[in-house]
Protein backbone atom coordinates (compact mmCIF):
# COMPACT_ATOMS: atom_id res chain seq x y z
CA MET A 1 150.56 187.32 117.21
CA GLY A 2 151.69 186.39 113.88
CA SER A 3 155.02 185.36 115.25
CA PHE A 4 153.40 183.05 117.64
CA MET A 5 151.20 181.15 115.07
CA LEU A 6 154.18 180.57 112.93
CA LEU A 7 155.90 179.05 115.67
CA LEU A 8 152.78 176.92 116.76
CA GLY A 9 152.79 175.64 113.12
CA SER A 10 156.24 174.87 112.84
CA TYR A 11 155.96 172.60 116.32
CA PHE A 12 152.84 170.57 115.00
CA ALA A 13 153.79 170.24 111.27
CA PRO A 14 156.16 167.41 111.99
CA GLU A 15 154.07 165.61 114.08
CA ALA A 16 151.14 165.63 111.65
CA GLN A 17 153.28 164.61 108.99
CA GLY A 18 154.40 161.73 110.97
CA GLN A 19 150.71 160.77 111.51
CA PHE A 20 149.97 160.69 107.85
CA ASN A 21 153.10 158.44 106.98
CA ARG A 22 152.17 156.13 109.96
CA ARG A 23 148.27 155.89 108.26
CA SER A 24 150.15 155.34 104.86
CA ILE A 25 152.23 152.76 105.87
CA LYS A 26 149.39 150.79 107.64
CA LYS A 27 147.38 151.02 104.61
CA ASN A 28 150.10 149.75 102.41
CA ASN A 29 150.87 146.81 104.91
CA LYS A 30 147.21 145.90 104.61
CA ARG A 31 147.08 145.77 100.85
CA ILE A 32 150.21 143.36 100.88
CA ALA A 33 148.77 141.27 103.45
CA THR A 34 145.60 140.74 101.18
CA PHE A 35 147.49 140.52 98.03
CA VAL A 36 146.70 137.35 96.05
CA GLY A 37 148.44 137.85 92.83
CA LYS A 38 147.62 139.52 89.47
CA LYS A 39 144.16 139.52 88.10
CA HIS A 40 145.36 137.50 84.96
CA PHE A 41 146.60 134.13 84.49
CA GLY A 42 150.50 134.47 83.50
CA ARG A 43 153.28 132.29 83.05
CA GLU A 44 153.94 132.08 87.02
CA HIS A 45 150.44 130.50 87.39
CA VAL A 46 151.10 127.50 85.08
CA TYR A 47 152.22 124.36 86.82
CA SER A 48 152.18 120.55 86.15
CA GLY A 49 152.14 117.62 88.52
CA VAL A 50 151.68 113.63 88.79
CA GLY A 51 148.80 111.69 90.14
CA PHE A 52 147.94 108.02 91.25
CA SER A 53 144.34 106.75 91.52
CA LEU A 54 142.19 103.91 92.77
CA ASN A 55 139.23 102.88 90.63
CA ALA A 56 136.42 100.94 90.38
CA MET A 57 135.01 99.64 87.22
CA ASN A 58 131.67 98.57 86.03
CA TYR A 59 130.19 97.24 82.61
CA TYR A 60 127.10 98.16 80.80
CA GLY A 61 126.26 95.75 77.84
CA ASP A 62 124.75 92.73 76.69
CA LEU A 63 125.52 90.53 79.64
CA ALA A 64 124.03 93.12 82.30
CA PRO A 65 121.02 92.00 84.49
CA LEU A 66 118.33 93.67 82.07
CA PRO A 67 118.22 94.73 78.56
CA SER A 68 118.95 98.27 79.15
CA LYS A 69 121.63 100.87 78.35
CA PHE A 70 121.58 101.84 82.23
CA SER A 71 121.68 98.30 83.64
CA THR A 72 124.72 97.10 85.48
CA ASP A 73 125.56 94.53 88.36
CA ILE A 74 126.96 96.63 91.11
CA SER A 75 128.23 93.39 92.78
CA PHE A 76 130.45 92.94 89.90
CA THR A 77 132.47 96.18 90.44
CA LYS A 78 136.07 95.60 89.76
CA PRO A 79 139.31 97.50 91.19
CA GLY A 80 141.51 99.44 88.99
CA ILE A 81 144.57 101.70 89.22
CA GLY A 82 145.80 104.61 87.26
CA ILE A 83 148.94 107.24 86.86
CA SER A 84 148.61 110.48 85.46
CA PHE A 85 150.63 113.61 84.45
CA PHE A 86 148.59 116.91 84.45
CA HIS A 87 149.49 120.24 83.31
CA ARG A 88 147.26 123.38 84.47
CA PHE A 89 147.22 126.03 81.43
CA GLY A 90 144.38 128.45 82.56
CA PRO A 91 142.41 129.72 85.33
CA ARG A 92 139.79 126.67 84.93
CA TYR A 93 141.77 124.50 82.60
CA THR A 94 143.66 121.38 82.99
CA LEU A 95 145.00 118.73 80.73
CA ILE A 96 145.54 115.24 82.28
CA GLY A 97 147.16 112.34 80.53
CA GLN A 98 146.67 108.96 82.25
CA PHE A 99 147.24 105.09 81.90
CA MET A 100 144.71 102.99 83.54
CA TYR A 101 144.56 99.25 83.99
CA GLY A 102 141.31 97.53 85.45
CA THR A 103 138.99 94.46 85.08
CA LEU A 104 135.22 94.33 83.81
CA LYS A 105 132.82 91.21 84.65
CA GLY A 106 129.53 90.10 83.78
CA SER A 107 127.63 86.92 83.95
CA ASP A 108 124.03 85.69 83.15
CA ALA A 109 124.05 83.01 85.66
CA GLU A 110 125.04 85.12 88.51
CA SER A 111 122.96 88.49 87.77
CA ALA A 112 120.37 87.86 84.86
CA LYS A 113 116.84 89.07 85.75
CA LYS A 114 113.53 88.47 84.16
CA SER A 115 112.39 91.14 81.79
CA GLY A 116 108.66 91.99 81.64
CA SER A 117 106.15 89.33 81.78
CA ASP A 118 108.24 86.80 79.71
CA PRO A 119 107.93 83.62 81.78
CA VAL A 120 111.39 82.49 80.51
CA ASN A 121 114.42 84.28 81.50
CA PHE A 122 116.26 84.64 78.35
CA ARG A 123 119.59 85.79 79.58
CA GLN A 124 119.69 83.19 82.34
CA VAL A 125 119.21 80.35 79.89
CA ARG A 126 121.74 82.06 77.66
CA ASN A 127 124.31 81.70 80.20
CA LEU A 128 127.32 83.35 79.01
CA SER A 129 129.93 84.99 80.87
CA PHE A 130 133.02 86.92 80.71
CA ARG A 131 135.73 88.96 82.08
CA ASN A 132 138.02 91.68 80.41
CA HIS A 133 141.31 93.20 81.32
CA ILE A 134 141.30 96.84 80.16
CA LYS A 135 144.69 98.80 79.67
CA GLU A 136 143.57 102.53 78.51
CA LEU A 137 145.40 105.58 77.75
CA SER A 138 143.61 108.83 77.87
CA LEU A 139 143.91 112.38 77.49
CA VAL A 140 141.02 114.49 78.90
CA ALA A 141 140.41 118.33 79.46
CA VAL A 142 139.16 119.23 82.73
CA PHE A 143 136.98 122.55 83.24
CA ASP A 144 136.80 123.70 86.74
CA LEU A 145 133.43 125.68 87.93
CA PHE A 146 135.59 128.07 90.42
CA GLU A 147 138.02 130.19 88.54
CA ASN A 148 141.75 130.14 90.07
CA GLU A 149 143.78 133.24 89.21
CA GLY A 150 146.57 133.10 91.72
CA THR A 151 149.47 130.97 92.01
CA TYR A 152 149.40 127.20 93.03
CA ILE A 153 149.91 128.24 96.59
CA SER A 154 146.78 130.23 96.65
CA ARG A 155 144.59 127.81 94.49
CA VAL A 156 141.01 127.61 95.52
CA LYS A 157 140.36 125.06 98.42
CA TRP A 158 138.05 123.07 96.42
CA THR A 159 135.95 123.15 93.23
CA PRO A 160 133.60 120.94 91.27
CA TYR A 161 134.69 120.00 87.72
CA ALA A 162 133.64 118.13 84.54
CA PHE A 163 136.01 116.41 81.94
CA VAL A 164 135.68 115.23 78.41
CA GLY A 165 138.30 113.67 76.38
CA VAL A 166 139.63 110.69 74.01
CA ALA A 167 140.95 107.30 75.09
CA ALA A 168 142.52 104.27 73.21
CA PHE A 169 142.41 100.73 75.12
CA LEU A 170 143.34 97.24 74.60
CA HIS A 171 140.93 94.71 75.81
CA ASN A 172 140.73 90.67 75.51
CA PRO A 173 137.42 89.24 76.66
CA GLN A 174 137.80 85.70 78.08
CA ALA A 175 135.51 83.08 79.82
CA GLN A 176 136.16 79.69 81.78
CA GLU A 177 136.09 76.69 80.04
CA PRO A 178 133.05 74.24 80.54
CA ALA A 179 133.46 70.84 82.20
CA LYS A 180 132.34 68.89 79.28
CA PHE A 181 132.09 69.59 75.42
CA LEU A 182 128.84 69.69 73.67
CA ASP A 183 129.51 65.77 72.66
CA GLY A 184 129.61 64.93 76.36
CA THR A 185 133.38 64.35 76.24
CA THR A 186 135.21 65.59 79.08
CA ASN A 187 137.38 68.86 78.94
CA PRO A 188 141.00 68.38 80.33
CA SER A 189 141.19 72.21 80.79
CA ALA A 190 137.85 72.76 82.59
CA GLY A 191 137.74 75.97 84.39
CA LYS A 192 140.65 77.42 82.42
CA TRP A 193 140.31 81.18 81.32
CA VAL A 194 140.51 81.19 77.50
CA ASP A 195 140.53 83.93 75.17
CA LEU A 196 137.18 84.39 73.20
CA GLN A 197 137.90 86.54 70.31
CA PRO A 198 140.11 83.78 68.45
CA LEU A 199 137.55 81.27 68.78
CA GLY A 200 134.90 83.47 66.80
CA THR A 201 131.87 82.49 68.84
CA GLU A 202 129.43 84.39 66.36
CA GLY A 203 131.31 82.89 63.54
CA GLN A 204 134.01 85.39 62.86
CA GLN A 205 136.91 82.83 62.19
CA SER A 206 136.87 81.06 58.99
CA ASN A 207 139.03 78.37 60.51
CA THR A 208 136.69 77.52 63.22
CA SER A 209 133.43 77.89 61.36
CA THR A 210 131.77 77.74 58.02
CA LEU A 211 129.01 79.98 57.75
CA GLN A 212 126.60 79.69 54.75
CA SER A 213 125.27 82.79 52.72
CA THR A 214 122.02 81.90 54.06
CA ASP A 215 123.14 82.21 57.60
CA VAL A 216 122.26 85.71 59.22
CA ASN A 217 125.69 86.23 60.54
CA TYR A 218 127.24 85.51 57.09
CA GLY A 219 130.21 88.01 56.41
CA ILE A 220 130.72 88.83 60.09
CA LYS A 221 134.27 89.96 60.75
CA THR A 222 136.64 89.77 63.58
CA TYR A 223 136.68 92.49 65.92
CA SER A 224 139.62 94.52 66.87
CA LEU A 225 141.36 94.21 70.59
CA LEU A 226 142.35 98.10 70.15
CA GLN A 227 139.46 100.34 70.40
CA VAL A 228 138.73 103.91 70.86
CA ALA A 229 136.45 105.38 73.57
CA ILE A 230 134.94 108.81 74.76
CA PRO A 231 135.63 109.41 78.47
CA PHE A 232 133.34 112.26 79.99
CA GLY A 233 132.28 112.83 83.57
CA ALA A 234 132.26 115.23 86.64
CA GLY A 235 133.71 115.07 90.15
CA ALA A 236 135.33 117.63 92.52
CA ARG A 237 138.89 118.49 93.56
CA PHE A 238 140.11 119.45 97.19
CA ARG A 239 143.03 121.20 98.42
CA LEU A 240 144.98 119.13 100.95
CA ASN A 241 148.00 121.27 101.32
CA GLU A 242 150.29 123.50 99.01
CA VAL A 243 151.04 120.63 96.90
CA LEU A 244 148.69 118.02 97.30
CA ASP A 245 145.07 117.68 95.89
CA LEU A 246 142.45 115.04 96.15
CA TRP A 247 140.26 114.44 93.19
CA ALA A 248 136.91 112.54 93.30
CA ASP A 249 135.03 111.60 90.10
CA VAL A 250 132.65 109.39 88.19
CA GLY A 251 133.31 109.03 84.61
CA PHE A 252 131.90 106.75 81.62
CA ARG A 253 133.66 105.43 78.57
CA TYR A 254 131.38 105.24 75.53
CA THR A 255 133.04 102.72 73.21
CA PHE A 256 132.76 102.23 69.53
CA THR A 257 132.63 98.17 70.03
CA ASP A 258 129.97 95.97 71.03
CA TYR A 259 132.20 93.17 72.02
CA LEU A 260 133.79 93.94 75.50
CA ASP A 261 131.75 90.65 76.30
CA ASP A 262 132.26 88.91 73.08
CA VAL A 263 128.28 89.03 72.64
CA SER A 264 126.76 91.46 69.83
CA ARG A 265 124.73 89.60 67.17
CA ASN A 266 122.84 86.46 66.41
CA VAL A 267 122.91 82.80 67.56
CA VAL A 268 125.18 80.66 65.53
CA ASP A 269 124.24 77.00 64.67
CA VAL A 270 126.64 74.91 66.73
CA THR A 271 127.01 72.55 63.72
CA ARG A 272 128.78 75.29 61.99
CA PHE A 273 131.87 75.26 64.35
CA LYS A 274 134.56 72.73 63.72
CA ASP A 275 136.46 73.54 66.84
CA PRO A 276 134.76 71.71 70.02
CA LEU A 277 135.86 74.52 72.08
CA ALA A 278 134.44 77.27 69.81
CA GLN A 279 130.95 75.17 69.89
CA ALA A 280 131.11 74.95 73.71
CA MET A 281 131.97 78.70 74.42
CA SER A 282 129.43 79.57 71.94
CA TYR A 283 126.44 77.72 73.19
CA ARG A 284 126.41 77.34 77.09
CA SER A 285 122.69 76.62 77.59
CA ASN A 286 123.40 72.84 78.06
CA GLU A 287 124.95 73.70 81.45
CA ILE A 288 121.56 74.87 82.62
CA PRO A 289 119.94 72.03 84.72
CA ASN A 290 116.29 71.35 83.52
CA PRO A 291 115.50 74.66 81.74
CA GLY A 292 112.11 73.31 80.82
CA LEU A 293 112.31 74.51 77.20
CA PRO A 294 111.89 72.70 73.84
CA THR A 295 115.10 71.09 72.30
CA VAL A 296 115.88 69.75 69.03
CA PRO A 297 118.47 66.86 68.28
CA VAL A 298 121.78 67.89 66.26
CA THR A 299 124.57 65.73 65.27
CA ILE A 300 128.02 66.53 66.57
CA ASN A 301 130.94 64.50 65.88
CA GLY A 302 128.67 61.56 65.14
CA GLN A 303 126.78 62.05 68.38
CA THR A 304 123.25 63.01 68.45
CA VAL A 305 122.56 65.98 71.04
CA GLN A 306 119.82 67.90 72.31
CA ILE A 307 120.01 71.66 72.08
CA ILE A 308 117.52 74.38 73.17
CA ASN A 309 115.76 75.07 70.22
CA GLY A 310 116.80 79.17 69.42
CA TYR A 311 119.82 79.19 71.74
CA GLY A 312 121.98 76.59 69.86
CA ASN A 313 120.69 77.19 66.38
CA GLU A 314 119.79 80.21 64.40
CA TYR A 315 116.40 81.43 65.21
CA PRO A 316 114.84 84.55 63.50
CA THR A 317 113.57 85.97 66.74
CA ASN A 318 116.10 85.11 69.42
CA ASN A 319 119.49 87.18 69.22
CA ARG A 320 122.43 86.32 71.18
CA GLY A 321 123.05 90.00 71.71
CA ASN A 322 121.94 93.67 70.80
CA LYS A 323 124.18 94.97 68.14
CA LYS A 324 122.30 98.23 68.23
CA ASN A 325 124.20 99.30 71.39
CA ASN A 326 127.74 99.61 71.77
CA ASP A 327 129.11 98.51 75.27
CA ILE A 328 129.94 101.17 77.98
CA TYR A 329 132.04 101.20 81.14
CA MET A 330 132.09 103.29 84.12
CA VAL A 331 135.08 104.42 86.23
CA THR A 332 134.76 105.84 89.63
CA SER A 333 138.04 107.26 90.83
CA ILE A 334 139.72 108.52 93.81
CA LYS A 335 142.99 110.24 92.84
CA ILE A 336 145.83 112.03 94.77
CA THR A 337 148.04 114.45 92.64
CA TYR A 338 151.28 115.95 93.49
CA ILE A 339 152.31 119.60 92.21
CA LEU A 340 156.13 119.39 90.78
CA GLY A 341 158.80 121.97 90.97
CA ALA A 342 157.08 123.38 94.13
CA THR A 343 160.48 124.51 95.48
CA PHE A 344 161.38 126.48 92.36
CA HIS A 345 158.09 128.20 92.25
CA ARG A 346 157.98 129.31 95.60
CA ALA A 347 161.50 130.74 95.58
CA LYS A 348 160.80 132.62 92.27
CA PHE A 349 157.36 133.82 92.57
CA ARG A 350 156.06 133.78 96.17
């Protein structure tokens, strides 16, 4: 009997061992199939890429429809483009360097709305306008909501994100020249876009205006065309395939200037300007037909001209702009990014 049992055991032992090995192999295969990478962010998870964006730009400032920080005219939305380079260096963190070009616009005549119960639409009578081409270079840090601990191949399908950074930009506010100068003579360059900063429309340029020590804008300095801004905003990123992502976000640029629109402080008396073009670009209320407001006579180039009181001369309660609020611009962006070195990464780490 003992011999029989020994013989039976020797027969079934290899079969049992084979079943055990098959179960182990099956289990290991399952582990390999579900493996997505190490549970830490290592060198193999770091990658870089480039991007191209189409942007929509909007302006918030003194030439907005209403005297509010949050007022903007959507109909003045202008296009912009951008190119970028990004580097992912953590499970949630990406650093992006970007160059962007776009345009901002504002116009009292086209968008000004009446504020409160005031029977006079101050902004419409002010009748100022501008455009400004923005060239921006920025560096922003992006923080993903959903963590990605895998390689670029196994990155999450989508994630919301927030961003904040720093930007430097060049700007140059311009406006179109009027048909006539204030003394009534015809302007041969009517309709031409002219740079506003060199004219000193609020009395900044000593060679075009002679402000007296009693004038409210006395001592005003020329604003710089190179400025700094703080970009911040939020959006979402979507994986398109192994190497392409789609980004969509809305961001704001808080600037440290109130002169994106060339408007900030008090009205300057037009007689302080010596340049006829500076006079005409500083005071444009004369282009409003029949505003129905009191006028006062002033002498310009030997001619007596009627100007609206408080709009073409210094007036204690009538500012040209609000110097307490800096200008802001908004950028709505759609961006496609491409991961660089995908072939190298796939061969080495996949």
